[in-house]
Amino acid sequence: MNKPTVVSGIRPTGYLHLGNYFGAVQNFLKMQDDFNCYFFIADIHSLTTHPTPENLQSGVRQVLAEYLACGIDPEKSTIFIQSDVPEVSELYALLNMNAYLGELERTTSFKDKARQNPDNVNAGLLTYPVLMASDIIIHKAHFVPVGKDQEQNLEMARKFAKRFNRMYKCDIFPIPRPYTFGGGDMIKVPGLDGSGKMGKSEGNAINLYEDPKSIRKKVMRAVTDSGPTEMNQEKPEAVQNLFTLLDIVSTPDTVAHFDELYNKCEIRYGDLKKQLAEDIIAYTAPIRERIIDILQDDAYLAKVAKMGAEKAQESAAKTLQEVKDVIGFKKLF
């Protein structure tokens, strides 16, 4: 029986952080045995923000090493770099012919990016959902793990797949569905700024590669309040965020200890933060050490990238040929 296919990508624009690890990567590890997994580094997507060649290359290398250090197995999953599979860009060009200006301009991600960076409203931002669709459907994905911020783009991918199948009276593309990790598997990791979730661009994250000194500094600067004024009062969001982080990386006894202090109005946030910082350091240290070791092994990184490119290209080439056949791109001479 064939396993269902899952596709997920990440832009190489920063280090993986605790939010990435607990919200996604840990679940990827569980999926490797039950799904046909494609995990790619979206270096073409990152060009919308114009990274230098040096930053682009170091970012790709870093994310690849971090994925491997976290336990994604290149023998079980296909880990590859997006630009190593040119078929993705070719399908992107073909799908663009059936994507309409109005629907692309209405996407939330485009409107947000255009508002945040009015001097960099490039065509790549506008057609981002088309490239994302190409990434997904070229491997005939059945599922795509997505957060709330990408749900609309996945819906666009579903729309483009349906539209192509309808226009060419074919069933080349399965219609990908969102894969949400339910129950106890779903962890939303908060940032250190008092609200929202941990994110690369928000400046509120603890990276897996972070050194202990930096972790302590960031955690000690985390937003809190002046402390509880009544016993057993509800924690404000900023304080609850610290307890959520504590719950993720610390022992139940530690969490219970500080919770009791809070409920008795005896909490000292400095002590809480020191404990949280040390527990984060202890949790991330083995991963950080593996990242450092892998980054020093160029031969291994090259081997993984080559193996992933070959596996991904084999899948993509097959789908692209089917697409070109139904469009009518056949050799006449």
Protein backbone atom coordinates (compact mmCIF):
# COMPACT_ATOMS: atom_id res chain seq x y z
CA MET A 1 0.00 0.00 0.00
CA ASN A 2 1.39 3.39 -1.01
CA LYS A 3 1.94 5.91 1.75
CA PRO A 4 0.24 9.32 1.43
CA THR A 5 2.60 12.12 0.40
CA VAL A 6 3.36 15.13 2.60
CA VAL A 7 5.23 18.25 1.45
CA SER A 8 6.58 21.04 3.65
CA GLY A 9 9.09 23.81 3.02
CA ILE A 10 10.93 26.45 5.02
CA ARG A 11 12.71 29.56 3.81
CA PRO A 12 16.43 29.77 4.68
CA THR A 13 16.10 33.26 6.12
CA GLY A 14 17.09 32.56 9.70
CA TYR A 15 17.83 29.91 12.27
CA LEU A 16 15.24 27.34 13.33
CA HIS A 17 13.80 28.30 16.71
CA LEU A 18 11.90 26.59 19.50
CA GLY A 19 8.61 27.39 17.77
CA ASN A 20 9.73 25.59 14.61
CA TYR A 21 11.00 22.65 16.62
CA PHE A 22 8.01 22.02 18.89
CA GLY A 23 5.37 23.24 16.46
CA ALA A 24 6.56 21.39 13.36
CA VAL A 25 9.86 19.49 13.34
CA GLN A 26 9.01 17.16 16.22
CA ASN A 27 5.87 16.18 14.35
CA PHE A 28 7.83 15.68 11.12
CA LEU A 29 9.92 13.09 12.95
CA LYS A 30 6.77 11.16 13.84
CA MET A 31 5.54 11.31 10.22
CA GLN A 32 8.64 9.82 8.60
CA ASP A 33 7.54 6.21 8.97
CA ASP A 34 3.90 6.67 7.97
CA PHE A 35 4.14 9.18 5.11
CA ASN A 36 6.14 9.75 1.95
CA CYS A 37 7.75 13.00 3.16
CA TYR A 38 9.30 15.81 1.12
CA PHE A 39 10.95 18.48 3.27
CA PHE A 40 12.56 21.23 1.23
CA ILE A 41 14.55 24.41 1.81
CA ALA A 42 12.75 27.15 -0.11
CA ASP A 43 15.67 29.18 -1.42
CA ILE A 44 13.74 30.44 -4.48
CA HIS A 45 11.00 31.81 -2.22
CA SER A 46 13.64 33.70 -0.22
CA LEU A 47 14.65 35.73 -3.30
CA THR A 48 11.65 38.02 -2.75
CA THR A 49 13.69 39.70 0.01
CA HIS A 50 16.88 39.88 -2.10
CA PRO A 51 19.46 38.07 0.09
CA THR A 52 23.11 38.33 -0.92
CA PRO A 53 24.57 35.17 -2.50
CA GLU A 54 26.64 34.63 0.64
CA ASN A 55 23.64 34.93 2.97
CA LEU A 56 21.54 32.70 0.73
CA GLN A 57 24.16 29.94 0.69
CA SER A 58 24.87 30.10 4.42
CA GLY A 59 21.13 30.09 5.18
CA VAL A 60 20.52 26.99 3.08
CA ARG A 61 23.48 25.22 4.68
CA GLN A 62 22.34 26.17 8.18
CA VAL A 63 18.75 24.93 7.76
CA LEU A 64 19.93 21.68 6.16
CA ALA A 65 22.26 21.03 9.11
CA GLU A 66 19.53 21.94 11.60
CA TYR A 67 16.97 19.61 10.01
CA LEU A 68 19.47 16.77 10.17
CA ALA A 69 20.49 17.62 13.74
CA CYS A 70 16.86 17.54 14.83
CA GLY A 71 16.52 13.99 13.53
CA ILE A 72 15.00 14.22 10.07
CA ASP A 73 16.40 11.12 8.38
CA PRO A 74 17.48 11.47 4.72
CA GLU A 75 17.04 7.72 4.31
CA LYS A 76 13.37 7.95 5.30
CA SER A 77 12.46 11.43 4.05
CA THR A 78 13.42 13.40 0.97
CA ILE A 79 15.28 16.50 2.16
CA PHE A 80 16.20 18.79 -0.71
CA ILE A 81 16.97 22.33 -1.80
CA GLN A 82 14.22 23.89 -3.90
CA SER A 83 16.53 25.31 -6.59
CA ASP A 84 18.08 21.85 -7.13
CA VAL A 85 14.80 20.79 -8.75
CA PRO A 86 14.35 23.01 -11.86
CA GLU A 87 11.07 21.26 -12.70
CA VAL A 88 9.48 23.25 -9.86
CA SER A 89 10.28 26.54 -11.61
CA GLU A 90 9.02 25.21 -14.94
CA LEU A 91 5.69 24.14 -13.44
CA TYR A 92 5.54 27.53 -11.69
CA ALA A 93 5.76 29.24 -15.10
CA LEU A 94 3.01 27.01 -16.52
CA LEU A 95 0.69 27.51 -13.55
CA ASN A 96 1.16 31.28 -13.77
CA MET A 97 -0.68 31.21 -17.11
CA ASN A 98 -3.83 30.13 -15.28
CA ALA A 99 -3.47 32.35 -12.20
CA TYR A 100 -5.35 35.64 -12.32
CA LEU A 101 -4.20 39.05 -11.15
CA GLY A 102 -7.27 39.79 -9.07
CA GLU A 103 -7.11 36.60 -7.02
CA LEU A 104 -3.37 37.04 -6.38
CA GLU A 105 -3.78 40.66 -5.31
CA ARG A 106 -6.46 39.67 -2.81
CA THR A 107 -4.29 37.19 -0.89
CA THR A 108 -3.61 38.26 2.67
CA SER A 109 0.09 37.42 2.49
CA PHE A 110 0.59 39.69 -0.54
CA LYS A 111 -1.35 42.58 0.99
CA ASP A 112 0.58 42.27 4.26
CA LYS A 113 3.97 42.17 2.55
CA ALA A 114 3.09 45.07 0.27
CA ARG A 115 1.99 47.15 3.25
CA GLN A 116 5.07 46.28 5.30
CA ASN A 117 7.54 46.86 2.42
CA PRO A 118 5.98 49.28 -0.06
CA ASP A 119 9.32 49.75 -1.87
CA ASN A 120 9.66 46.02 -2.58
CA VAL A 121 6.34 44.95 -4.09
CA ASN A 122 7.87 42.54 -6.60
CA ALA A 123 6.23 40.00 -8.89
CA GLY A 124 7.61 37.17 -6.76
CA LEU A 125 5.54 38.37 -3.82
CA LEU A 126 2.46 38.56 -6.00
CA THR A 127 2.90 35.05 -7.41
CA TYR A 128 4.17 33.49 -4.17
CA PRO A 129 1.04 31.28 -3.93
CA VAL A 130 1.70 29.95 -7.45
CA LEU A 131 5.25 28.91 -6.60
CA MET A 132 3.97 27.38 -3.37
CA ALA A 133 1.38 25.48 -5.38
CA SER A 134 4.10 24.21 -7.72
CA ASP A 135 6.17 23.03 -4.73
CA ILE A 136 3.21 21.04 -3.44
CA ILE A 137 1.47 19.58 -6.44
CA ILE A 138 4.58 18.64 -8.41
CA HIS A 139 5.01 15.82 -5.88
CA LYS A 140 1.26 15.09 -5.92
CA ALA A 141 1.01 15.86 -2.23
CA HIS A 142 -2.01 14.60 -0.30
CA PHE A 143 -1.26 16.65 2.81
CA VAL A 144 0.55 19.87 3.69
CA PRO A 145 1.30 20.76 7.32
CA VAL A 146 0.40 24.44 7.62
CA GLY A 147 -0.05 27.09 10.27
CA LYS A 148 -2.81 29.66 10.29
CA ASP A 149 -0.67 32.15 8.33
CA GLN A 150 -0.37 29.78 5.35
CA GLU A 151 -3.90 28.41 5.19
CA GLN A 152 -4.98 30.83 2.46
CA ASN A 153 -1.95 30.04 0.31
CA LEU A 154 -2.71 26.33 0.61
CA GLU A 155 -6.28 27.05 -0.44
CA MET A 156 -4.85 28.80 -3.50
CA ALA A 157 -2.77 25.69 -4.27
CA ARG A 158 -5.93 23.61 -4.06
CA LYS A 159 -7.64 26.05 -6.41
CA PHE A 160 -4.82 25.92 -8.98
CA ALA A 161 -4.74 22.10 -8.88
CA LYS A 162 -8.50 21.89 -9.40
CA ARG A 163 -8.38 24.51 -12.16
CA PHE A 164 -5.65 22.67 -14.07
CA ASN A 165 -7.46 19.33 -13.79
CA ARG A 166 -10.68 20.97 -15.01
CA MET A 167 -9.12 22.96 -17.87
CA TYR A 168 -7.30 19.97 -19.29
CA LYS A 169 -9.91 17.38 -18.36
CA CYS A 170 -7.42 15.29 -16.40
CA ASP A 171 -6.81 14.10 -12.87
CA ILE A 172 -3.05 14.62 -12.70
CA PHE A 173 -3.11 16.47 -9.41
CA PRO A 174 -4.61 15.16 -6.17
CA ILE A 175 -6.17 18.04 -4.24
CA PRO A 176 -3.87 18.64 -1.25
CA ARG A 177 -5.42 18.95 2.18
CA PRO A 178 -4.10 20.77 5.25
CA TYR A 179 -2.54 18.50 7.85
CA THR A 180 -2.99 19.79 11.36
CA PHE A 181 -1.36 18.05 14.28
CA GLY A 182 -4.24 17.44 16.65
CA GLY A 183 -4.58 16.68 20.32
CA GLY A 184 -1.44 16.66 22.43
CA ASP A 185 0.81 16.89 19.36
CA MET A 186 -0.07 20.53 18.69
CA ILE A 187 2.18 22.95 20.60
CA LYS A 188 2.02 26.69 20.09
CA VAL A 189 5.26 28.18 21.34
CA PRO A 190 4.93 31.82 22.47
CA GLY A 191 7.52 34.51 21.89
CA LEU A 192 9.40 36.47 24.53
CA ASP A 193 7.79 39.80 23.67
CA GLY A 194 4.61 39.26 25.67
CA SER A 195 2.21 38.37 22.90
CA GLY A 196 1.77 36.18 19.83
CA LYS A 197 3.83 33.22 18.78
CA MET A 198 7.56 32.78 18.42
CA GLY A 199 8.70 33.78 14.93
CA LYS A 200 11.81 34.44 12.86
CA SER A 201 10.92 37.99 11.88
CA GLU A 202 9.41 39.12 15.18
CA GLY A 203 12.69 39.18 17.10
CA ASN A 204 11.09 37.19 19.94
CA ALA A 205 12.63 33.76 19.35
CA ILE A 206 15.16 31.42 20.95
CA ASN A 207 17.06 29.64 18.20
CA LEU A 208 18.17 26.01 18.40
CA TYR A 209 21.68 27.21 17.49
CA GLU A 210 21.68 29.94 20.15
CA ASP A 211 24.64 29.98 22.53
CA PRO A 212 23.97 29.90 26.30
CA LYS A 213 25.01 33.50 26.90
CA SER A 214 22.57 34.78 24.30
CA ILE A 215 19.75 32.57 25.64
CA ARG A 216 20.21 33.94 29.16
CA LYS A 217 20.25 37.50 27.86
CA LYS A 218 17.08 37.07 25.80
CA VAL A 219 15.13 35.30 28.53
CA MET A 220 16.07 37.85 31.19
CA ARG A 221 14.70 40.58 28.92
CA ALA A 222 11.38 38.77 28.39
CA VAL A 223 8.28 40.86 29.05
CA THR A 224 6.52 40.42 32.41
CA ASP A 225 4.42 42.63 34.69
CA SER A 226 4.79 44.00 38.22
CA GLY A 227 3.59 40.73 39.74
CA PRO A 228 0.30 39.30 41.05
CA THR A 229 -1.73 41.33 43.55
CA GLU A 230 -4.27 38.67 44.50
CA MET A 231 -3.85 34.99 45.29
CA ASN A 232 -4.70 32.59 42.47
CA GLN A 233 -5.33 35.41 40.03
CA GLU A 234 -5.27 34.74 36.30
CA LYS A 235 -1.89 35.21 34.67
CA PRO A 236 -1.66 37.97 32.04
CA GLU A 237 -0.59 36.84 28.58
CA ALA A 238 3.07 37.87 28.91
CA VAL A 239 3.48 35.93 32.17
CA GLN A 240 1.52 32.95 30.90
CA ASN A 241 3.88 32.85 27.93
CA LEU A 242 6.83 32.27 30.29
CA PHE A 243 4.95 29.51 32.07
CA THR A 244 4.10 27.91 28.71
CA LEU A 245 7.79 27.88 27.80
CA LEU A 246 8.61 26.49 31.23
CA ASP A 247 6.04 23.75 30.73
CA ILE A 248 7.70 22.78 27.43
CA VAL A 249 11.33 22.54 28.58
CA SER A 250 11.22 22.02 32.37
CA THR A 251 10.19 19.22 34.70
CA PRO A 252 6.62 19.12 36.07
CA ASP A 253 8.00 19.74 39.58
CA THR A 254 9.67 22.94 38.42
CA VAL A 255 6.49 24.19 36.77
CA ALA A 256 4.43 23.34 39.86
CA HIS A 257 6.94 25.15 42.11
CA PHE A 258 6.75 28.45 40.25
CA ASP A 259 3.02 28.13 39.74
CA GLU A 260 2.58 27.80 43.50
CA LEU A 261 4.75 30.84 44.10
CA TYR A 262 2.69 32.84 41.63
CA ASN A 263 -0.61 31.79 43.22
CA LYS A 264 0.72 32.81 46.65
CA CYS A 265 1.88 36.20 45.29
CA GLU A 266 5.47 35.21 46.17
CA ILE A 267 6.81 34.91 42.63
CA ARG A 268 10.11 36.55 41.74
CA TYR A 269 10.28 36.82 37.97
CA GLY A 270 14.07 37.00 38.03
CA ASP A 271 14.25 33.54 39.59
CA LEU A 272 11.68 32.20 37.13
CA LYS A 273 13.63 33.57 34.18
CA LYS A 274 16.95 32.19 35.42
CA GLN A 275 15.42 28.73 35.77
CA LEU A 276 13.75 28.98 32.36
CA ALA A 277 16.99 30.05 30.69
CA GLU A 278 18.97 27.17 32.20
CA ASP A 279 16.29 24.64 31.24
CA ILE A 280 16.21 25.94 27.64
CA ILE A 281 20.00 25.69 27.51
CA ALA A 282 19.91 22.12 28.82
CA TYR A 283 17.22 21.14 26.33
CA THR A 284 18.83 22.69 23.24
CA ALA A 285 22.48 21.84 24.04
CA PRO A 286 22.47 18.36 22.41
CA ILE A 287 20.79 19.72 19.27
CA ARG A 288 23.23 22.65 19.11
CA GLU A 289 26.18 20.30 19.43
CA ARG A 290 24.88 18.15 16.57
CA ILE A 291 24.34 21.25 14.41
CA ILE A 292 27.94 22.34 15.02
CA ASP A 293 29.26 18.87 14.15
CA ILE A 294 27.20 18.60 10.96
CA LEU A 295 28.16 22.10 9.79
CA GLN A 296 31.78 20.99 9.90
CA ASP A 297 31.09 17.98 7.69
CA ASP A 298 30.83 19.38 4.17
CA ALA A 299 30.98 15.94 2.59
CA TYR A 300 27.93 14.74 4.54
CA LEU A 301 25.93 17.89 3.75
CA ALA A 302 26.77 17.54 0.06
CA LYS A 303 25.80 13.86 0.09
CA VAL A 304 22.42 14.57 1.69
CA ALA A 305 21.69 17.46 -0.69
CA LYS A 306 22.61 15.36 -3.73
CA MET A 307 20.55 12.37 -2.60
CA GLY A 308 17.55 14.59 -1.85
CA ALA A 309 17.82 16.41 -5.18
CA GLU A 310 17.88 13.13 -7.10
CA LYS A 311 14.83 11.74 -5.30
CA ALA A 312 12.87 14.99 -5.59
CA GLN A 313 13.81 15.47 -9.23
CA GLU A 314 12.69 11.97 -10.13
CA SER A 315 9.25 12.66 -8.65
CA ALA A 316 9.01 16.16 -10.15
CA ALA A 317 10.14 15.17 -13.64
CA LYS A 318 7.48 12.48 -13.88
CA THR A 319 4.70 14.90 -12.92
CA LEU A 320 6.00 17.67 -15.19
CA GLN A 321 6.03 15.33 -18.18
CA GLU A 322 2.40 14.43 -17.52
CA VAL A 323 1.56 18.13 -17.35
CA LYS A 324 3.36 18.93 -20.60
CA ASP A 325 1.67 16.03 -22.36
CA VAL A 326 -1.84 17.17 -21.49
CA ILE A 327 -1.03 20.81 -22.33
CA GLY A 328 0.19 19.75 -25.75
CA PHE A 329 3.93 20.25 -25.45
CA LYS A 330 4.94 17.25 -27.51
CA LYS A 331 7.85 17.04 -29.89
CA LEU A 332 6.53 17.47 -33.43
CA PHE A 333 9.82 17.30 -35.29
